[in-house]
């Protein structure tokens, strides 16, 4: 299956030093802004923000270029801007990363190797996957990026087990009354 091949290629292509360094930066973040533009990156940024606020790290996503600029101009040392783009070309992201760096925020990206976005950031997780020529199938980068976000979130959770456990407990407790169900289920599903 194309999905299995994509995930296998992702696993083999990932630079684990980049992943480990990114986890270390995210685990210490006071707050994180995940940025994307367009359909795919916007959705991945939103998913990343959801994954990270559940770990007890203030996180949000933004896809509008003007709002990205405004948001990152409020960031500084201890804050993290994480830009996501399969192409690494959107000028909105590159500009936002430059603004964040100017004010001392750490800048990370998930993007294509040797792209302008990768070059603009302090640290980039880079991956190059062939896209399926069948336009009716999901893009390979979408699946790969979602898997990488999960790897990062899991790594950060393991770095901060006590804080993460308590935050997840609170979230689960807040939802028990909504569903009246205490069986193990995905938190926030």
C-alpha atoms as a PDB file:
ATOM      1  CA  UNK A   1       0.000   0.000   0.000  1.00  0.00           C
ATOM      2  CA  UNK A   2       1.136   3.555  -0.691  1.00  0.00           C
ATOM      3  CA  UNK A   3       0.614   4.586   2.943  1.00  0.00           C
ATOM      4  CA  UNK A   4       2.819   1.790   4.271  1.00  0.00           C
ATOM      5  CA  UNK A   5       5.516   2.643   1.733  1.00  0.00           C
ATOM      6  CA  UNK A   6       5.350   6.328   2.666  1.00  0.00           C
ATOM      7  CA  UNK A   7       5.685   5.622   6.371  1.00  0.00           C
ATOM      8  CA  UNK A   8       8.530   3.161   5.770  1.00  0.00           C
ATOM      9  CA  UNK A   9      10.346   5.710   3.568  1.00  0.00           C
ATOM     10  CA  UNK A  10       9.779   8.347   6.242  1.00  0.00           C
ATOM     11  CA  UNK A  11      11.253   6.119   8.939  1.00  0.00           C
ATOM     12  CA  UNK A  12      14.318   5.366   6.829  1.00  0.00           C
ATOM     13  CA  UNK A  13      14.774   8.997   5.718  1.00  0.00           C
ATOM     14  CA  UNK A  14      14.473  10.730   9.072  1.00  0.00           C
ATOM     15  CA  UNK A  15      17.603  12.186  10.566  1.00  0.00           C
ATOM     16  CA  UNK A  16      17.217  11.144  14.194  1.00  0.00           C
ATOM     17  CA  UNK A  17      19.685  13.816  15.360  1.00  0.00           C
ATOM     18  CA  UNK A  18      17.334  16.458  13.920  1.00  0.00           C
ATOM     19  CA  UNK A  19      14.401  14.766  15.638  1.00  0.00           C
ATOM     20  CA  UNK A  20      16.183  14.537  19.013  1.00  0.00           C
ATOM     21  CA  UNK A  21      17.311  18.162  18.877  1.00  0.00           C
ATOM     22  CA  UNK A  22      13.796  19.293  17.970  1.00  0.00           C
ATOM     23  CA  UNK A  23      12.299  17.317  20.856  1.00  0.00           C
ATOM     24  CA  UNK A  24      14.769  18.951  23.253  1.00  0.00           C
ATOM     25  CA  UNK A  25      13.815  22.461  22.088  1.00  0.00           C
ATOM     26  CA  UNK A  26      10.073  21.754  22.202  1.00  0.00           C
ATOM     27  CA  UNK A  27      10.269  20.167  25.667  1.00  0.00           C
ATOM     28  CA  UNK A  28      11.645  23.432  27.092  1.00  0.00           C
ATOM     29  CA  UNK A  29       9.276  25.770  25.234  1.00  0.00           C
ATOM     30  CA  UNK A  30       7.282  28.346  27.176  1.00  0.00           C
ATOM     31  CA  UNK A  31       4.867  28.459  24.224  1.00  0.00           C
ATOM     32  CA  UNK A  32       4.798  27.232  20.644  1.00  0.00           C
ATOM     33  CA  UNK A  33       3.237  28.600  17.474  1.00  0.00           C
ATOM     34  CA  UNK A  34       2.809  26.069  14.675  1.00  0.00           C
ATOM     35  CA  UNK A  35       2.581  27.831  11.318  1.00  0.00           C
ATOM     36  CA  UNK A  36       1.360  26.523   7.978  1.00  0.00           C
ATOM     37  CA  UNK A  37      -0.175  27.965   4.831  1.00  0.00           C
ATOM     38  CA  UNK A  38      -2.413  26.248   2.338  1.00  0.00           C
ATOM     39  CA  UNK A  39      -4.517  23.169   2.970  1.00  0.00           C
ATOM     40  CA  UNK A  40      -2.059  20.473   3.977  1.00  0.00           C
ATOM     41  CA  UNK A  41       0.344  22.448   6.156  1.00  0.00           C
ATOM     42  CA  UNK A  42      -2.480  24.366   7.826  1.00  0.00           C
ATOM     43  CA  UNK A  43      -4.145  21.133   8.912  1.00  0.00           C
ATOM     44  CA  UNK A  44      -0.883  19.645  10.138  1.00  0.00           C
ATOM     45  CA  UNK A  45      -0.119  22.815  12.124  1.00  0.00           C
ATOM     46  CA  UNK A  46      -3.567  22.622  13.755  1.00  0.00           C
ATOM     47  CA  UNK A  47      -3.022  18.958  14.636  1.00  0.00           C
ATOM     48  CA  UNK A  48       0.412  19.771  16.073  1.00  0.00           C
ATOM     49  CA  UNK A  49      -1.015  22.533  18.272  1.00  0.00           C
ATOM     50  CA  UNK A  50      -3.644  20.107  19.562  1.00  0.00           C
ATOM     51  CA  UNK A  51      -1.031  17.452  20.302  1.00  0.00           C
ATOM     52  CA  UNK A  52       1.194  19.909  22.183  1.00  0.00           C
ATOM     53  CA  UNK A  53      -1.354  21.750  24.319  1.00  0.00           C
ATOM     54  CA  UNK A  54      -2.386  18.299  25.557  1.00  0.00           C
ATOM     55  CA  UNK A  55       1.176  17.927  26.855  1.00  0.00           C
ATOM     56  CA  UNK A  56       0.822  21.075  28.954  1.00  0.00           C
ATOM     57  CA  UNK A  57       2.742  23.323  26.562  1.00  0.00           C
ATOM     58  CA  UNK A  58       0.803  26.427  25.482  1.00  0.00           C
ATOM     59  CA  UNK A  59       0.462  25.905  21.736  1.00  0.00           C
ATOM     60  CA  UNK A  60      -1.531  27.395  18.905  1.00  0.00           C
ATOM     61  CA  UNK A  61      -1.601  27.273  15.135  1.00  0.00           C
ATOM     62  CA  UNK A  62      -1.918  30.049  12.622  1.00  0.00           C
ATOM     63  CA  UNK A  63      -2.322  29.951   8.847  1.00  0.00           C
ATOM     64  CA  UNK A  64      -2.985  33.575   7.930  1.00  0.00           C
ATOM     65  CA  UNK A  65       0.221  35.327   6.857  1.00  0.00           C
ATOM     66  CA  UNK A  66      -0.632  38.670   8.488  1.00  0.00           C
ATOM     67  CA  UNK A  67      -1.651  37.037  11.756  1.00  0.00           C
ATOM     68  CA  UNK A  68       1.482  34.887  11.684  1.00  0.00           C
ATOM     69  CA  UNK A  69       3.637  38.014  11.504  1.00  0.00           C
ATOM     70  CA  UNK A  70       1.712  39.650  14.345  1.00  0.00           C
ATOM     71  CA  UNK A  71       1.797  36.534  16.517  1.00  0.00           C
ATOM     72  CA  UNK A  72       5.507  35.801  16.168  1.00  0.00           C
ATOM     73  CA  UNK A  73       6.401  39.430  16.849  1.00  0.00           C
ATOM     74  CA  UNK A  74       5.149  38.784  20.414  1.00  0.00           C
ATOM     75  CA  UNK A  75       7.516  35.823  20.841  1.00  0.00           C
ATOM     76  CA  UNK A  76      10.919  35.962  22.468  1.00  0.00           C
ATOM     77  CA  UNK A  77      13.522  33.845  24.265  1.00  0.00           C
ATOM     78  CA  UNK A  78      12.027  30.568  25.482  1.00  0.00           C
ATOM     79  CA  UNK A  79       9.279  30.634  22.833  1.00  0.00           C
ATOM     80  CA  UNK A  80       9.279  28.448  19.725  1.00  0.00           C
ATOM     81  CA  UNK A  81       7.986  29.046  16.214  1.00  0.00           C
ATOM     82  CA  UNK A  82       7.555  25.824  14.235  1.00  0.00           C
ATOM     83  CA  UNK A  83       6.887  26.316  10.505  1.00  0.00           C
ATOM     84  CA  UNK A  84       5.524  23.471   8.386  1.00  0.00           C
ATOM     85  CA  UNK A  85       5.700  23.306   4.597  1.00  0.00           C
ATOM     86  CA  UNK A  86       6.123  20.418   2.160  1.00  0.00           C
ATOM     87  CA  UNK A  87       7.778  22.735  -0.378  1.00  0.00           C
ATOM     88  CA  UNK A  88       9.602  25.083   1.980  1.00  0.00           C
ATOM     89  CA  UNK A  89       8.784  27.988  -0.332  1.00  0.00           C
ATOM     90  CA  UNK A  90       5.962  30.116   1.164  1.00  0.00           C
ATOM     91  CA  UNK A  91       7.302  33.600   1.775  1.00  0.00           C
ATOM     92  CA  UNK A  92       4.810  34.128   4.621  1.00  0.00           C
ATOM     93  CA  UNK A  93       6.522  31.387   6.620  1.00  0.00           C
ATOM     94  CA  UNK A  94      10.032  32.567   5.805  1.00  0.00           C
ATOM     95  CA  UNK A  95       9.125  36.134   6.834  1.00  0.00           C
ATOM     96  CA  UNK A  96       7.491  34.974  10.076  1.00  0.00           C
ATOM     97  CA  UNK A  97      10.517  32.864  10.985  1.00  0.00           C
ATOM     98  CA  UNK A  98      12.799  35.869  10.382  1.00  0.00           C
ATOM     99  CA  UNK A  99      10.670  38.059  12.653  1.00  0.00           C
ATOM    100  CA  UNK A 100      10.649  35.435  15.409  1.00  0.00           C
ATOM    101  CA  UNK A 101      14.423  35.029  15.224  1.00  0.00           C
ATOM    102  CA  UNK A 102      14.860  38.787  15.429  1.00  0.00           C
ATOM    103  CA  UNK A 103      13.109  38.751  18.808  1.00  0.00           C
ATOM    104  CA  UNK A 104      15.018  35.731  20.126  1.00  0.00           C
ATOM    105  CA  UNK A 105      12.499  32.911  19.663  1.00  0.00           C
ATOM    106  CA  UNK A 106      13.761  29.503  18.576  1.00  0.00           C
ATOM    107  CA  UNK A 107      12.733  28.627  15.021  1.00  0.00           C
ATOM    108  CA  UNK A 108      12.055  25.102  13.841  1.00  0.00           C
ATOM    109  CA  UNK A 109      10.638  23.675  10.652  1.00  0.00           C
ATOM    110  CA  UNK A 110       9.379  20.493   9.084  1.00  0.00           C
ATOM    111  CA  UNK A 111      10.057  20.815   5.384  1.00  0.00           C
ATOM    112  CA  UNK A 112      11.981  19.788   2.294  1.00  0.00           C
ATOM    113  CA  UNK A 113      15.766  19.515   2.357  1.00  0.00           C
ATOM    114  CA  UNK A 114      17.714  22.569   1.195  1.00  0.00           C
ATOM    115  CA  UNK A 115      14.554  24.665   0.958  1.00  0.00           C
ATOM    116  CA  UNK A 116      14.494  28.388   1.783  1.00  0.00           C
ATOM    117  CA  UNK A 117      12.428  27.599   4.888  1.00  0.00           C
ATOM    118  CA  UNK A 118      14.921  25.014   6.128  1.00  0.00           C
ATOM    119  CA  UNK A 119      17.732  27.523   5.649  1.00  0.00           C
ATOM    120  CA  UNK A 120      15.812  30.255   7.493  1.00  0.00           C
ATOM    121  CA  UNK A 121      15.359  28.213  10.692  1.00  0.00           C
ATOM    122  CA  UNK A 122      17.623  27.415  13.616  1.00  0.00           C
ATOM    123  CA  UNK A 123      16.795  23.742  13.186  1.00  0.00           C
ATOM    124  CA  UNK A 124      14.902  21.880  10.474  1.00  0.00           C
ATOM    125  CA  UNK A 125      13.607  18.355  10.225  1.00  0.00           C
ATOM    126  CA  UNK A 126      13.939  17.736   6.531  1.00  0.00           C
ATOM    127  CA  UNK A 127      12.447  14.985   4.475  1.00  0.00           C
ATOM    128  CA  UNK A 128      12.118  14.442   0.747  1.00  0.00           C
ATOM    129  CA  UNK A 129       9.489  11.987  -0.377  1.00  0.00           C
ATOM    130  CA  UNK A 130       8.242  11.298  -3.865  1.00  0.00           C
ATOM    131  CA  UNK A 131       4.616  12.354  -4.196  1.00  0.00           C
ATOM    132  CA  UNK A 132       2.139   9.932  -5.724  1.00  0.00           C
ATOM    133  CA  UNK A 133       1.238  11.040  -9.254  1.00  0.00           C
ATOM    134  CA  UNK A 134      -2.369   9.956  -8.603  1.00  0.00           C
ATOM    135  CA  UNK A 135      -3.994  13.289  -7.706  1.00  0.00           C
ATOM    136  CA  UNK A 136      -6.910  11.485  -6.057  1.00  0.00           C
ATOM    137  CA  UNK A 137      -4.722  10.019  -3.297  1.00  0.00           C
ATOM    138  CA  UNK A 138      -3.514  11.864  -0.185  1.00  0.00           C
ATOM    139  CA  UNK A 139      -0.053  13.354  -0.539  1.00  0.00           C
ATOM    140  CA  UNK A 140       2.871  11.409   0.842  1.00  0.00           C
ATOM    141  CA  UNK A 141       4.148  14.445   2.743  1.00  0.00           C
ATOM    142  CA  UNK A 142       0.841  14.780   4.609  1.00  0.00           C
ATOM    143  CA  UNK A 143       1.088  11.256   6.003  1.00  0.00           C
ATOM    144  CA  UNK A 144       4.794  11.653   6.738  1.00  0.00           C
ATOM    145  CA  UNK A 145       4.379  15.010   8.468  1.00  0.00           C
ATOM    146  CA  UNK A 146       1.541  13.743  10.668  1.00  0.00           C
ATOM    147  CA  UNK A 147       3.653  10.749  11.693  1.00  0.00           C
ATOM    148  CA  UNK A 148       6.610  13.018  12.472  1.00  0.00           C
ATOM    149  CA  UNK A 149       4.420  15.299  14.611  1.00  0.00           C
ATOM    150  CA  UNK A 150       3.346  12.208  16.561  1.00  0.00           C
ATOM    151  CA  UNK A 151       6.991  11.186  17.038  1.00  0.00           C
ATOM    152  CA  UNK A 152       7.844  14.675  18.306  1.00  0.00           C
ATOM    153  CA  UNK A 153       4.857  14.804  20.668  1.00  0.00           C
ATOM    154  CA  UNK A 154       5.651  11.355  22.059  1.00  0.00           C
ATOM    155  CA  UNK A 155       9.278  12.332  22.546  1.00  0.00           C
ATOM    156  CA  UNK A 156       8.343  15.524  24.365  1.00  0.00           C
ATOM    157  CA  UNK A 157       5.829  13.643  26.541  1.00  0.00           C
ATOM    158  CA  UNK A 158       8.548  11.196  27.581  1.00  0.00           C
ATOM    159  CA  UNK A 159      10.866  14.106  28.378  1.00  0.00           C
ATOM    160  CA  UNK A 160       8.235  15.668  30.680  1.00  0.00           C
ATOM    161  CA  UNK A 161       6.356  12.627  32.053  1.00  0.00           C
ATOM    162  CA  UNK A 162       4.992  14.151  35.275  1.00  0.00           C
ATOM    163  CA  UNK A 163       3.694  17.354  33.679  1.00  0.00           C
ATOM    164  CA  UNK A 164       2.260  15.442  30.733  1.00  0.00           C
ATOM    165  CA  UNK A 165       0.568  12.813  32.888  1.00  0.00           C
ATOM    166  CA  UNK A 166      -1.143  15.477  35.014  1.00  0.00           C
ATOM    167  CA  UNK A 167      -2.296  17.497  32.002  1.00  0.00           C
ATOM    168  CA  UNK A 168      -3.712  14.415  30.288  1.00  0.00           C
ATOM    169  CA  UNK A 169      -5.435  13.388  33.539  1.00  0.00           C
ATOM    170  CA  UNK A 170      -7.106  16.788  33.740  1.00  0.00           C
ATOM    171  CA  UNK A 171      -8.252  16.640  30.132  1.00  0.00           C
ATOM    172  CA  UNK A 172      -9.649  13.129  30.545  1.00  0.00           C
ATOM    173  CA  UNK A 173     -11.433  14.149  33.763  1.00  0.00           C
ATOM    174  CA  UNK A 174     -13.025  17.125  32.044  1.00  0.00           C
ATOM    175  CA  UNK A 175     -14.446  14.847  29.353  1.00  0.00           C
ATOM    176  CA  UNK A 176     -15.773  12.021  31.541  1.00  0.00           C
ATOM    177  CA  UNK A 177     -18.886  14.063  32.350  1.00  0.00           C
ATOM    178  CA  UNK A 178     -19.501  14.749  28.667  1.00  0.00           C
ATOM    179  CA  UNK A 179     -19.410  11.125  27.583  1.00  0.00           C
ATOM    180  CA  UNK A 180     -20.211   9.428  30.899  1.00  0.00           C
ATOM    181  CA  UNK A 181     -17.667   6.809  29.891  1.00  0.00           C
ATOM    182  CA  UNK A 182     -14.562   5.837  31.872  1.00  0.00           C
ATOM    183  CA  UNK A 183     -13.245   3.186  29.487  1.00  0.00           C
ATOM    184  CA  UNK A 184      -9.842   3.823  27.944  1.00  0.00           C
ATOM    185  CA  UNK A 185     -10.422   5.955  24.844  1.00  0.00           C
ATOM    186  CA  UNK A 186      -8.330   8.460  22.910  1.00  0.00           C
ATOM    187  CA  UNK A 187      -8.086  11.625  25.008  1.00  0.00           C
ATOM    188  CA  UNK A 188     -10.171  14.310  23.389  1.00  0.00           C
ATOM    189  CA  UNK A 189     -11.631  12.127  20.645  1.00  0.00           C
END
